[in-house]
Protein backbone atom coordinates (compact mmCIF):
# COMPACT_ATOMS: atom_id res chain seq x y z
CA MET A 1 230.23 208.42 118.32
CA ALA A 2 233.78 207.99 117.08
CA LYS A 3 235.49 210.76 115.16
CA ILE A 4 236.10 210.28 111.44
CA THR A 5 239.78 210.43 110.59
CA LYS A 6 241.66 211.09 107.38
CA ASP A 7 242.73 207.43 107.45
CA ASP A 8 239.04 206.39 107.55
CA VAL A 9 238.31 208.52 104.51
CA LYS A 10 241.36 207.21 102.64
CA ARG A 11 240.40 203.61 103.47
CA LEU A 12 236.84 204.20 102.24
CA ALA A 13 238.18 205.77 99.03
CA ASP A 14 240.53 202.83 98.54
CA VAL A 15 237.75 200.26 99.03
CA SER A 16 235.57 202.26 96.62
CA GLN A 17 238.46 202.43 94.16
CA ILE A 18 238.41 206.24 94.15
CA ALA A 19 241.70 208.06 93.72
CA MET A 20 242.02 210.65 96.48
CA THR A 21 244.85 212.92 97.56
CA ASP A 22 245.63 213.63 101.21
CA ASP A 23 244.24 217.17 100.79
CA GLU A 24 240.97 215.84 99.38
CA ALA A 25 240.70 213.30 102.20
CA GLU A 26 241.23 216.09 104.73
CA ASP A 27 238.38 218.08 103.14
CA TYR A 28 236.02 215.11 103.36
CA VAL A 29 236.72 214.46 107.06
CA ALA A 30 234.61 217.41 108.23
CA GLU A 31 231.85 216.73 105.68
CA MET A 32 231.53 213.06 106.65
CA GLN A 33 231.67 213.89 110.35
CA SER A 34 228.74 216.32 109.97
CA ILE A 35 226.73 213.69 108.03
CA PHE A 36 227.28 211.10 110.75
CA GLU A 37 226.41 213.60 113.48
CA PHE A 38 223.14 214.43 111.69
CA ALA A 39 222.35 210.71 111.35
CA ALA A 40 222.97 210.31 115.09
CA MET A 41 220.52 213.15 115.78
CA LEU A 42 217.89 211.39 113.67
CA GLN A 43 218.40 208.20 115.65
CA GLU A 44 217.35 210.07 118.80
CA LEU A 45 213.92 210.97 117.40
CA ASN A 46 210.94 209.16 118.87
CA THR A 47 209.11 207.64 115.91
CA GLU A 48 207.08 205.13 117.89
CA ASP A 49 203.69 206.70 117.00
CA VAL A 50 204.59 207.56 113.39
CA GLU A 51 202.92 205.49 110.70
CA PRO A 52 205.31 204.09 108.09
CA THR A 53 204.95 205.75 104.70
CA ILE A 54 205.82 204.60 101.24
CA HIS A 55 205.33 207.96 99.57
CA ILE A 56 205.29 211.55 100.80
CA LEU A 57 202.22 212.45 98.75
CA PRO A 58 198.75 211.00 99.32
CA GLY A 59 197.02 209.05 96.60
CA THR A 60 197.75 206.14 94.39
CA THR A 61 200.12 205.62 91.53
CA MET A 62 198.44 206.25 88.22
CA LEU A 63 199.53 203.64 85.71
CA ARG A 64 198.23 203.14 82.22
CA SER A 65 196.74 199.78 81.38
CA ASP A 66 199.18 197.32 79.89
CA GLU A 67 197.80 196.77 76.43
CA PRO A 68 199.68 195.25 73.49
CA LYS A 69 200.18 197.65 70.61
CA HIS A 70 202.29 198.14 67.50
CA SER A 71 206.00 198.42 68.15
CA LEU A 72 208.84 199.70 65.96
CA THR A 73 210.16 197.42 63.30
CA GLN A 74 213.87 196.77 63.24
CA GLU A 75 214.23 199.06 60.23
CA GLU A 76 212.30 201.87 61.95
CA ALA A 77 214.42 201.55 65.09
CA LEU A 78 217.67 201.73 63.11
CA LYS A 79 216.47 204.50 60.78
CA ASN A 80 218.24 207.35 62.64
CA ALA A 81 221.12 205.32 64.07
CA PRO A 82 224.49 206.93 63.32
CA GLU A 83 225.82 203.48 62.49
CA ALA A 84 224.24 200.05 62.13
CA LYS A 85 225.63 196.64 61.20
CA ASP A 86 223.75 193.41 60.49
CA GLY A 87 220.50 194.83 61.85
CA TYR A 88 221.97 196.09 65.16
CA PHE A 89 223.14 199.42 66.52
CA LYS A 90 226.91 199.72 66.11
CA VAL A 91 228.62 201.43 69.03
CA PRO A 92 232.25 201.92 70.02
CA SER A 93 233.77 199.09 72.03
CA ILE A 94 234.28 199.91 75.70
CA LEU A 95 236.13 196.73 76.61
CA ASP A 96 239.63 195.83 75.50
C-alpha cells in the first residue's frame, strides 16, 4: 500500500473545496494513513462463510400503518412562525 503524502491530503482538500494549511495537512497525513492501514487489514479477513446482514440486531422493522389523518392547516402551521408572508414561512435569504 502506498504511503499518504502531504500533497495527497492537500489535493483531496482542494478537490473537496476545504481550506487547509500545510500544518493541518501534515496532521492529517498520519490519521489518513492509519485509516487506510486499518481498511487494508479488513480486506485480509476471510468472510466467505459470513452471511450478509442488513442490520446488526435481529427482528423486523416496526412501522406504523400508513393511515390518512387530520393534518395542520396553513394557519396552524404558521401560528408560531417568527415571521410569515403571504401564507408562507419567511426566512433570511441565503443566496445573493
